[in-house]
Structure formats: structure tokens, C-alpha cells
Protein backbone atom coordinates (compact mmCIF):
# COMPACT_ATOMS: atom_id res chain seq x y z
CA UNK A 1 -39.86 14.64 -10.42
CA UNK A 2 -39.42 12.59 -7.22
CA UNK A 3 -38.14 14.35 -4.16
CA UNK A 4 -34.84 13.27 -2.60
CA UNK A 5 -35.25 11.43 0.70
CA UNK A 6 -34.85 13.57 3.77
CA UNK A 7 -31.84 12.89 6.00
CA UNK A 8 -33.27 10.95 8.93
CA UNK A 9 -29.95 10.36 10.65
CA UNK A 10 -29.43 12.48 13.71
CA UNK A 11 -25.83 13.46 14.49
CA UNK A 12 -24.50 11.91 17.66
CA UNK A 13 -23.51 14.25 20.43
CA UNK A 14 -19.93 12.92 20.62
CA UNK A 15 -19.23 13.56 16.94
CA UNK A 16 -17.25 16.75 16.55
CA UNK A 17 -16.84 17.61 12.87
CA UNK A 18 -14.59 20.56 13.57
CA UNK A 19 -12.18 18.42 15.60
CA UNK A 20 -12.22 15.67 12.97
CA UNK A 21 -11.44 18.21 10.24
CA UNK A 22 -8.62 19.69 12.30
CA UNK A 23 -7.08 16.24 12.86
CA UNK A 24 -7.41 15.39 9.17
CA UNK A 25 -5.78 18.64 8.10
CA UNK A 26 -2.96 18.11 10.62
CA UNK A 27 -2.37 14.60 9.23
CA UNK A 28 -2.20 15.98 5.68
CA UNK A 29 0.20 18.68 6.84
CA UNK A 30 2.43 16.13 8.59
CA UNK A 31 2.68 13.70 5.69
CA UNK A 32 3.18 16.37 3.04
CA UNK A 33 5.76 18.38 4.92
CA UNK A 34 7.74 15.22 5.73
CA UNK A 35 7.03 13.31 2.52
CA UNK A 36 10.57 11.98 2.11
CA UNK A 37 10.65 10.50 5.62
CA UNK A 38 7.13 9.12 5.26
CA UNK A 39 8.06 7.44 1.97
CA UNK A 40 11.21 5.93 3.50
CA UNK A 41 9.22 4.53 6.39
CA UNK A 42 6.48 3.12 4.16
CA UNK A 43 9.03 1.45 1.87
CA UNK A 44 10.85 0.00 4.88
CA UNK A 45 7.60 -1.40 6.26
CA UNK A 46 6.65 -2.92 2.90
CA UNK A 47 10.09 -4.48 2.44
CA UNK A 48 10.16 -5.79 6.02
CA UNK A 49 6.75 -7.37 5.66
CA UNK A 50 7.65 -8.93 2.31
CA UNK A 51 11.35 -9.77 2.81
CA UNK A 52 10.84 -13.45 2.08
CA UNK A 53 8.69 -13.19 -1.08
CA UNK A 54 9.99 -14.91 -4.16
CA UNK A 55 10.20 -11.82 -6.35
CA UNK A 56 12.44 -9.87 -3.95
CA UNK A 57 14.60 -12.92 -3.20
CA UNK A 58 15.05 -13.62 -6.92
CA UNK A 59 16.53 -10.16 -7.35
CA UNK A 60 18.84 -10.58 -4.35
CA UNK A 61 17.38 -8.03 -1.97
CA UNK A 62 18.19 -10.49 0.86
CA UNK A 63 16.02 -8.81 3.50
CA UNK A 64 17.42 -5.31 3.05
CA UNK A 65 14.82 -2.68 3.88
CA UNK A 66 16.64 0.57 3.11
CA UNK A 67 15.81 2.71 0.11
CA UNK A 68 19.38 2.93 -1.20
CA UNK A 69 19.80 -0.85 -1.45
CA UNK A 70 16.31 -1.19 -2.95
CA UNK A 71 17.10 1.41 -5.63
CA UNK A 72 20.45 -0.23 -6.41
CA UNK A 73 19.20 -3.81 -6.64
CA UNK A 74 15.61 -3.68 -7.86
CA UNK A 75 15.09 -2.84 -11.53
CA UNK A 76 12.47 -0.50 -12.90
CA UNK A 77 9.91 -2.83 -14.46
CA UNK A 78 6.88 -3.01 -16.67
CA UNK A 79 3.80 -5.17 -16.27
CA UNK A 80 5.23 -7.61 -18.78
CA UNK A 81 8.18 -8.20 -16.42
CA UNK A 82 5.93 -9.46 -13.64
CA UNK A 83 3.23 -11.02 -15.80
CA UNK A 84 4.52 -14.59 -15.20
CA UNK A 85 4.23 -14.01 -11.45
CA UNK A 86 0.76 -12.52 -11.83
CA UNK A 87 -0.30 -15.45 -14.01
CA UNK A 88 0.86 -17.93 -11.37
CA UNK A 89 -1.15 -16.14 -8.69
CA UNK A 90 -4.20 -15.87 -10.98
CA UNK A 91 -3.94 -19.61 -11.62
CA UNK A 92 -4.14 -20.41 -7.91
CA UNK A 93 -0.54 -20.42 -6.64
CA UNK A 94 -0.85 -19.26 -3.02
CA UNK A 95 2.85 -19.16 -2.18
CA UNK A 96 4.36 -15.76 -1.27
CA UNK A 97 5.33 -14.69 -4.78
CA UNK A 98 4.80 -10.91 -4.82
CA UNK A 99 3.32 -10.38 -1.36
CA UNK A 100 3.48 -12.06 2.02
CA UNK A 101 -0.29 -11.56 2.28
CA UNK A 102 -2.63 -13.64 0.14
CA UNK A 103 -3.68 -11.90 -3.07
CA UNK A 104 -7.38 -12.47 -3.65
CA UNK A 105 -7.96 -10.26 -6.67
CA UNK A 106 -6.27 -8.11 -9.28
CA UNK A 107 -7.78 -4.81 -10.38
CA UNK A 108 -7.11 -3.10 -13.67
């Protein structure tokens, strides 16, 4: 059986694994202990960035970025509900339909 290649990469002197692990664990602690606030902020950022997209305008969100308005106005949907929008994007429509950023691929 062939032998696995030996690790030829030497660790750099400025790389501190213990410090990196500590920072990573602190980040996990912060986002999990404040999950509600983190989710509010993420939703607000997404809605702010995409305020002008067709889908949100069609439903009358009108630039609102707060969770309460979003929950009141935006329906719970299935893939079939947005399939016409996805089809338009897949067929080359580059206008801001679902996202203000260009969509280059869909993953399933």
C-alpha cells in the first residue's frame, strides 16, 4: 500500500493556533448567546442591501428592514412560489429580481 505523503509545510512563527482557537470559540460564544440580536442584525442587513429588488417590492415591503414588518408582510413560501423568478434568472435576466447582487449559479 502506498504511503501517505509527509507534511512538508513548516508552520510559520506568527501563526498561533491557540490564539486562533480562542478567538473562534469566543465568536461562537458571542453569536450563540446573542442569537436573537445577531439574527435581527443579519436580516436588517439583507433587507437593506436588497430593498429595491423586485420580489420584495412586489410584496410591498417598501424598504422596511425591521423583523416585525418583514414577518407581517412577507408570506411563508415554497420553491414553487419563487420558481418563475428563478426561471427568469436562469434564462439570463440580470435585473435585481431576488438579490441586488448578480446571481451566477443555483445550487440544489
